PDB file of all heavy atoms in Angstrom:
ATOM      1  N   ARG A   1     106.954  65.442 185.495  1.00  0.00           N
ATOM      2  CA  ARG A   1     107.252  66.862 185.339  1.00  0.00           C
ATOM      3  C   ARG A   1     108.040  67.377 186.554  1.00  0.00           C
ATOM      4  O   ARG A   1     108.968  68.167 186.414  1.00  0.00           O
ATOM      5  CB  ARG A   1     105.963  67.654 185.142  1.00  0.00           C
ATOM      6  CG  ARG A   1     106.215  69.143 184.887  1.00  0.00           C
ATOM      7  CD  ARG A   1     104.987  69.846 184.343  1.00  0.00           C
ATOM      8  NE  ARG A   1     104.721  69.411 182.978  1.00  0.00           N
ATOM      9  CZ  ARG A   1     103.548  68.942 182.561  1.00  0.00           C
ATOM     10  NH1 ARG A   1     102.543  68.856 183.394  1.00  0.00           N
ATOM     11  NH2 ARG A   1     103.377  68.576 181.299  1.00  0.00           N
ATOM     12  N   LYS A   2     107.691  66.915 187.724  1.00  0.00           N
ATOM     13  CA  LYS A   2     108.396  67.323 188.937  1.00  0.00           C
ATOM     14  C   LYS A   2     109.858  66.912 188.868  1.00  0.00           C
ATOM     15  O   LYS A   2     110.761  67.685 189.221  1.00  0.00           O
ATOM     16  CB  LYS A   2     107.730  66.704 190.162  1.00  0.00           C
ATOM     17  CG  LYS A   2     108.361  67.111 191.488  1.00  0.00           C
ATOM     18  CD  LYS A   2     107.608  66.498 192.658  1.00  0.00           C
ATOM     19  CE  LYS A   2     108.238  66.917 193.985  1.00  0.00           C
ATOM     20  NZ  LYS A   2     107.507  66.319 195.141  1.00  0.00           N
ATOM     21  N   GLU A   3     110.123  65.695 188.393  1.00  0.00           N
ATOM     22  CA  GLU A   3     111.497  65.210 188.257  1.00  0.00           C
ATOM     23  C   GLU A   3     112.251  66.009 187.199  1.00  0.00           C
ATOM     24  O   GLU A   3     113.458  66.264 187.325  1.00  0.00           O
ATOM     25  CB  GLU A   3     111.488  63.730 187.902  1.00  0.00           C
ATOM     26  CG  GLU A   3     111.003  62.830 189.032  1.00  0.00           C
ATOM     27  CD  GLU A   3     110.787  61.393 188.587  1.00  0.00           C
ATOM     28  OE1 GLU A   3     110.548  61.165 187.371  1.00  0.00           O
ATOM     29  OE2 GLU A   3     110.840  60.493 189.454  1.00  0.00           O
ATOM     30  N   ARG A   4     111.535  66.422 186.158  1.00  0.00           N
ATOM     31  CA  ARG A   4     112.141  67.201 185.085  1.00  0.00           C
ATOM     32  C   ARG A   4     112.618  68.563 185.617  1.00  0.00           C
ATOM     33  O   ARG A   4     113.720  69.028 185.306  1.00  0.00           O
ATOM     34  CB  ARG A   4     111.115  67.385 183.960  1.00  0.00           C
ATOM     35  CG  ARG A   4     111.710  67.708 182.608  1.00  0.00           C
ATOM     36  CD  ARG A   4     110.603  67.729 181.559  1.00  0.00           C
ATOM     37  NE  ARG A   4     109.984  66.407 181.425  1.00  0.00           N
ATOM     38  CZ  ARG A   4     110.493  65.409 180.717  1.00  0.00           C
ATOM     39  NH1 ARG A   4     111.635  65.588 180.077  1.00  0.00           N
ATOM     40  NH2 ARG A   4     109.875  64.255 180.636  1.00  0.00           N
ATOM     41  N   TYR A   5     111.784  69.188 186.420  1.00  0.00           N
ATOM     42  CA  TYR A   5     112.165  70.472 187.017  1.00  0.00           C
ATOM     43  C   TYR A   5     113.395  70.307 187.909  1.00  0.00           C
ATOM     44  O   TYR A   5     114.302  71.143 187.892  1.00  0.00           O
ATOM     45  CB  TYR A   5     111.009  71.047 187.842  1.00  0.00           C
ATOM     46  CG  TYR A   5     110.034  71.880 187.038  1.00  0.00           C
ATOM     47  CD1 TYR A   5     108.913  71.295 186.438  1.00  0.00           C
ATOM     48  CD2 TYR A   5     110.224  73.254 186.889  1.00  0.00           C
ATOM     49  CE1 TYR A   5     108.013  72.061 185.717  1.00  0.00           C
ATOM     50  CE2 TYR A   5     109.330  74.025 186.162  1.00  0.00           C
ATOM     51  CZ  TYR A   5     108.220  73.420 185.574  1.00  0.00           C
ATOM     52  OH  TYR A   5     107.336  74.186 184.852  1.00  0.00           O
ATOM     53  N   LYS A   6     113.415  69.254 188.692  1.00  0.00           N
ATOM     54  CA  LYS A   6     114.555  69.019 189.589  1.00  0.00           C
ATOM     55  C   LYS A   6     115.828  68.772 188.803  1.00  0.00           C
ATOM     56  O   LYS A   6     116.904  69.280 189.162  1.00  0.00           O
ATOM     57  CB  LYS A   6     114.285  67.836 190.516  1.00  0.00           C
ATOM     58  CG  LYS A   6     115.374  67.647 191.577  1.00  0.00           C
ATOM     59  CD  LYS A   6     115.064  66.495 192.510  1.00  0.00           C
ATOM     60  CE  LYS A   6     116.093  66.445 193.644  1.00  0.00           C
ATOM     61  NZ  LYS A   6     117.480  66.402 193.168  1.00  0.00           N
ATOM     62  N   PHE A   7     115.724  68.023 187.700  1.00  0.00           N
ATOM     63  CA  PHE A   7     116.883  67.735 186.865  1.00  0.00           C
ATOM     64  C   PHE A   7     117.466  69.044 186.323  1.00  0.00           C
ATOM     65  O   PHE A   7     118.674  69.276 186.387  1.00  0.00           O
ATOM     66  CB  PHE A   7     116.479  66.816 185.715  1.00  0.00           C
ATOM     67  CG  PHE A   7     117.631  66.273 184.918  1.00  0.00           C
ATOM     68  CD1 PHE A   7     118.142  65.016 185.191  1.00  0.00           C
ATOM     69  CD2 PHE A   7     118.203  67.020 183.900  1.00  0.00           C
ATOM     70  CE1 PHE A   7     119.211  64.516 184.460  1.00  0.00           C
ATOM     71  CE2 PHE A   7     119.263  66.529 183.161  1.00  0.00           C
ATOM     72  CZ  PHE A   7     119.770  65.267 183.441  1.00  0.00           C
ATOM     73  N   LEU A   8     116.603  69.903 185.784  1.00  0.00           N
ATOM     74  CA  LEU A   8     117.058  71.175 185.237  1.00  0.00           C
ATOM     75  C   LEU A   8     117.649  72.063 186.318  1.00  0.00           C
ATOM     76  O   LEU A   8     118.703  72.670 186.130  1.00  0.00           O
ATOM     77  CB  LEU A   8     115.901  71.908 184.546  1.00  0.00           C
ATOM     78  CG  LEU A   8     115.773  71.710 183.032  1.00  0.00           C
ATOM     79  CD1 LEU A   8     115.347  70.264 182.721  1.00  0.00           C
ATOM     80  CD2 LEU A   8     114.765  72.694 182.456  1.00  0.00           C
ATOM     81  N   THR A   9     116.955  72.139 187.447  1.00  0.00           N
ATOM     82  CA  THR A   9     117.414  73.002 188.533  1.00  0.00           C
ATOM     83  C   THR A   9     118.779  72.563 189.047  1.00  0.00           C
ATOM     84  O   THR A   9     119.684  73.393 189.237  1.00  0.00           O
ATOM     85  CB  THR A   9     116.395  73.004 189.684  1.00  0.00           C
ATOM     86  OG1 THR A   9     115.147  73.526 189.206  1.00  0.00           O
ATOM     87  CG2 THR A   9     116.880  73.858 190.843  1.00  0.00           C
ATOM     88  N   ASP A  10     118.958  71.270 189.247  1.00  0.00           N
ATOM     89  CA  ASP A  10     120.238  70.751 189.737  1.00  0.00           C
ATOM     90  C   ASP A  10     121.361  71.058 188.749  1.00  0.00           C
ATOM     91  O   ASP A  10     122.472  71.447 189.148  1.00  0.00           O
ATOM     92  CB  ASP A  10     120.151  69.243 189.975  1.00  0.00           C
ATOM     93  CG  ASP A  10     119.291  68.874 191.175  1.00  0.00           C
ATOM     94  OD1 ASP A  10     118.983  69.773 191.980  1.00  0.00           O
ATOM     95  OD2 ASP A  10     118.921  67.691 191.284  1.00  0.00           O
ATOM     96  N   TYR A  11     121.075  70.890 187.465  1.00  0.00           N
ATOM     97  CA  TYR A  11     122.090  71.144 186.451  1.00  0.00           C
ATOM     98  C   TYR A  11     122.494  72.622 186.432  1.00  0.00           C
ATOM     99  O   TYR A  11     123.688  72.958 186.479  1.00  0.00           O
ATOM    100  CB  TYR A  11     121.580  70.742 185.063  1.00  0.00           C
ATOM    101  CG  TYR A  11     122.521  71.167 183.959  1.00  0.00           C
ATOM    102  CD1 TYR A  11     123.627  70.390 183.633  1.00  0.00           C
ATOM    103  CD2 TYR A  11     122.324  72.369 183.274  1.00  0.00           C
ATOM    104  CE1 TYR A  11     124.512  70.793 182.646  1.00  0.00           C
ATOM    105  CE2 TYR A  11     123.213  72.776 182.288  1.00  0.00           C
ATOM    106  CZ  TYR A  11     124.301  71.988 181.973  1.00  0.00           C
ATOM    107  OH  TYR A  11     125.180  72.407 181.013  1.00  0.00           O
ATOM    108  N   PHE A  12     121.495  73.504 186.357  1.00  0.00           N
ATOM    109  CA  PHE A  12     121.800  74.924 186.229  1.00  0.00           C
ATOM    110  C   PHE A  12     122.415  75.505 187.498  1.00  0.00           C
ATOM    111  O   PHE A  12     123.256  76.417 187.422  1.00  0.00           O
ATOM    112  CB  PHE A  12     120.539  75.707 185.851  1.00  0.00           C
ATOM    113  CG  PHE A  12     120.191  75.614 184.393  1.00  0.00           C
ATOM    114  CD1 PHE A  12     118.945  75.159 183.984  1.00  0.00           C
ATOM    115  CD2 PHE A  12     121.102  75.999 183.419  1.00  0.00           C
ATOM    116  CE1 PHE A  12     118.615  75.082 182.637  1.00  0.00           C
ATOM    117  CE2 PHE A  12     120.782  75.927 182.068  1.00  0.00           C
ATOM    118  CZ  PHE A  12     119.535  75.470 181.679  1.00  0.00           C
ATOM    119  N   LEU A  13     122.018  75.008 188.657  1.00  0.00           N
ATOM    120  CA  LEU A  13     122.628  75.492 189.895  1.00  0.00           C
ATOM    121  C   LEU A  13     124.121  75.191 189.922  1.00  0.00           C
ATOM    122  O   LEU A  13     124.915  75.955 190.472  1.00  0.00           O
ATOM    123  CB  LEU A  13     121.940  74.865 191.106  1.00  0.00           C
ATOM    124  CG  LEU A  13     120.599  75.464 191.520  1.00  0.00           C
ATOM    125  CD1 LEU A  13     119.985  74.660 192.652  1.00  0.00           C
ATOM    126  CD2 LEU A  13     120.759  76.926 191.931  1.00  0.00           C
ATOM    127  N   LYS A  14     124.491  74.095 189.300  1.00  0.00           N
ATOM    128  CA  LYS A  14     125.900  73.716 189.241  1.00  0.00           C
ATOM    129  C   LYS A  14     126.645  74.446 188.132  1.00  0.00           C
ATOM    130  O   LYS A  14     127.756  74.939 188.328  1.00  0.00           O
ATOM    131  CB  LYS A  14     126.025  72.205 189.031  1.00  0.00           C
ATOM    132  CG  LYS A  14     127.469  71.711 188.957  1.00  0.00           C
ATOM    133  CD  LYS A  14     127.519  70.205 188.739  1.00  0.00           C
ATOM    134  CE  LYS A  14     128.951  69.714 188.627  1.00  0.00           C
ATOM    135  NZ  LYS A  14     129.023  68.244 188.373  1.00  0.00           N
ATOM    136  N   GLU A  15     126.027  74.515 186.960  1.00  0.00           N
ATOM    137  CA  GLU A  15     126.718  75.032 185.781  1.00  0.00           C
ATOM    138  C   GLU A  15     126.511  76.529 185.532  1.00  0.00           C
ATOM    139  O   GLU A  15     127.324  77.167 184.864  1.00  0.00           O
ATOM    140  CB  GLU A  15     126.253  74.256 184.541  1.00  0.00           C
ATOM    141  CG  GLU A  15     126.516  72.772 184.600  1.00  0.00           C
ATOM    142  CD  GLU A  15     127.998  72.439 184.660  1.00  0.00           C
ATOM    143  OE1 GLU A  15     128.810  73.239 184.140  1.00  0.00           O
ATOM    144  OE2 GLU A  15     128.345  71.391 185.229  1.00  0.00           O
ATOM    145  N   MET A  16     125.426  77.094 186.057  1.00  0.00           N
ATOM    146  CA  MET A  16     125.120  78.498 185.780  1.00  0.00           C
ATOM    147  C   MET A  16     124.487  79.148 187.026  1.00  0.00           C
ATOM    148  O   MET A  16     123.381  79.673 186.972  1.00  0.00           O
ATOM    149  CB  MET A  16     124.159  78.587 184.591  1.00  0.00           C
ATOM    150  CG  MET A  16     124.196  79.904 183.833  1.00  0.00           C
ATOM    151  SD  MET A  16     122.973  79.906 182.469  1.00  0.00           S
ATOM    152  CE  MET A  16     123.650  78.606 181.417  1.00  0.00           C
ATOM    153  N   PRO A  17     125.192  79.113 188.154  1.00  0.00           N
ATOM    154  CA  PRO A  17     124.587  79.562 189.412  1.00  0.00           C
ATOM    155  C   PRO A  17     124.290  81.056 189.469  1.00  0.00           C
ATOM    156  O   PRO A  17     123.413  81.488 190.219  1.00  0.00           O
ATOM    157  CB  PRO A  17     125.636  79.168 190.460  1.00  0.00           C
ATOM    158  CG  PRO A  17     126.923  79.153 189.708  1.00  0.00           C
ATOM    159  CD  PRO A  17     126.574  78.646 188.336  1.00  0.00           C
ATOM    160  N   ASP A  18     125.027  81.839 188.701  1.00  0.00           N
ATOM    161  CA  ASP A  18     124.872  83.297 188.765  1.00  0.00           C
ATOM    162  C   ASP A  18     124.310  83.880 187.475  1.00  0.00           C
ATOM    163  O   ASP A  18     124.665  84.995 187.078  1.00  0.00           O
ATOM    164  CB  ASP A  18     126.223  83.948 189.079  1.00  0.00           C
ATOM    165  CG  ASP A  18     126.795  83.463 190.400  1.00  0.00           C
ATOM    166  OD1 ASP A  18     126.034  83.381 191.376  1.00  0.00           O
ATOM    167  OD2 ASP A  18     128.003  83.168 190.447  1.00  0.00           O
ATOM    168  N   ALA A  19     123.428  83.155 186.834  1.00  0.00           N
ATOM    169  CA  ALA A  19     122.851  83.633 185.576  1.00  0.00           C
ATOM    170  C   ALA A  19     122.140  84.959 185.766  1.00  0.00           C
ATOM    171  O   ALA A  19     121.449  85.175 186.760  1.00  0.00           O
ATOM    172  CB  ALA A  19     121.869  82.595 185.032  1.00  0.00           C
ATOM    173  N   ASN A  20     122.325  85.843 184.797  1.00  0.00           N
ATOM    174  CA  ASN A  20     121.680  87.155 184.877  1.00  0.00           C
ATOM    175  C   ASN A  20     121.434  87.671 183.465  1.00  0.00           C
ATOM    176  O   ASN A  20     121.825  87.046 182.476  1.00  0.00           O
ATOM    177  CB  ASN A  20     122.557  88.136 185.661  1.00  0.00           C
ATOM    178  CG  ASN A  20     121.744  89.190 186.377  1.00  0.00           C
ATOM    179  OD1 ASN A  20     120.715  89.650 185.877  1.00  0.00           O
ATOM    180  ND2 ASN A  20     122.192  89.586 187.565  1.00  0.00           N
ATOM    181  N   THR A  21     120.798  88.823 183.382  1.00  0.00           N
ATOM    182  CA  THR A  21     120.497  89.406 182.086  1.00  0.00           C
ATOM    183  C   THR A  21     121.778  89.766 181.339  1.00  0.00           C
ATOM    184  O   THR A  21     122.805  90.092 181.960  1.00  0.00           O
ATOM    185  CB  THR A  21     119.627  90.667 182.251  1.00  0.00           C
ATOM    186  OG1 THR A  21     119.360  91.235 180.949  1.00  0.00           O
ATOM    187  CG2 THR A  21     120.310  91.718 183.105  1.00  0.00           C
ATOM    188  N   GLU A  22     121.719  89.731 180.025  1.00  0.00           N
ATOM    189  CA  GLU A  22     122.855  90.128 179.206  1.00  0.00           C
ATOM    190  C   GLU A  22     122.780  91.599 178.812  1.00  0.00           C
ATOM    191  O   GLU A  22     123.671  92.113 178.133  1.00  0.00           O
ATOM    192  CB  GLU A  22     122.930  89.249 177.955  1.00  0.00           C
ATOM    193  CG  GLU A  22     123.262  87.795 178.266  1.00  0.00           C
ATOM    194  CD  GLU A  22     123.474  86.945 177.028  1.00  0.00           C
ATOM    195  OE1 GLU A  22     122.639  87.004 176.111  1.00  0.00           O
ATOM    196  OE2 GLU A  22     124.479  86.210 176.998  1.00  0.00           O
ATOM    197  N   LEU A  23     121.734  92.277 179.239  1.00  0.00           N
ATOM    198  CA  LEU A  23     121.616  93.708 178.997  1.00  0.00           C
ATOM    199  C   LEU A  23     122.566  94.470 179.909  1.00  0.00           C
ATOM    200  O   LEU A  23     122.786  94.079 181.057  1.00  0.00           O
ATOM    201  CB  LEU A  23     120.174  94.176 179.243  1.00  0.00           C
ATOM    202  CG  LEU A  23     119.118  93.642 178.275  1.00  0.00           C
ATOM    203  CD1 LEU A  23     117.722  93.973 178.779  1.00  0.00           C
ATOM    204  CD2 LEU A  23     119.336  94.200 176.873  1.00  0.00           C
ATOM    205  N   HIS A  24     123.100  95.585 179.414  1.00  0.00           N
ATOM    206  CA  HIS A  24     124.034  96.402 180.188  1.00  0.00           C
ATOM    207  C   HIS A  24     123.302  97.594 180.787  1.00  0.00           C
ATOM    208  O   HIS A  24     122.587  98.309 180.079  1.00  0.00           O
ATOM    209  CB  HIS A  24     125.175  96.891 179.295  1.00  0.00           C
ATOM    210  CG  HIS A  24     125.990  95.784 178.688  1.00  0.00           C
ATOM    211  ND1 HIS A  24     126.832  95.976 177.615  1.00  0.00           N
ATOM    212  CD2 HIS A  24     126.070  94.458 179.009  1.00  0.00           C
ATOM    213  CE1 HIS A  24     127.407  94.825 177.302  1.00  0.00           C
ATOM    214  NE2 HIS A  24     126.954  93.892 178.129  1.00  0.00           N
ATOM    215  N   TYR A  25     123.510  97.843 182.070  1.00  0.00           N
ATOM    216  CA  TYR A  25     122.820  98.956 182.736  1.00  0.00           C
ATOM    217  C   TYR A  25     123.520  99.268 184.057  1.00  0.00           C
ATOM    218  O   TYR A  25     124.270  98.446 184.588  1.00  0.00           O
ATOM    219  CB  TYR A  25     121.356  98.599 183.012  1.00  0.00           C
ATOM    220  CG  TYR A  25     121.189  97.442 183.983  1.00  0.00           C
ATOM    221  CD1 TYR A  25     120.941  97.663 185.330  1.00  0.00           C
ATOM    222  CD2 TYR A  25     121.304  96.111 183.556  1.00  0.00           C
ATOM    223  CE1 TYR A  25     120.803  96.610 186.224  1.00  0.00           C
ATOM    224  CE2 TYR A  25     121.166  95.060 184.448  1.00  0.00           C
ATOM    225  CZ  TYR A  25     120.913  95.310 185.771  1.00  0.00           C
ATOM    226  OH  TYR A  25     120.787  94.265 186.658  1.00  0.00           O
TER     227      TYR A  25
END
């Protein structure tokens, strides 16, 4: 599970570093 979290984190930090809500405000 620890490796799974690292895999996801590494991927998203590279591909989606500035992810945020899609709501407008």
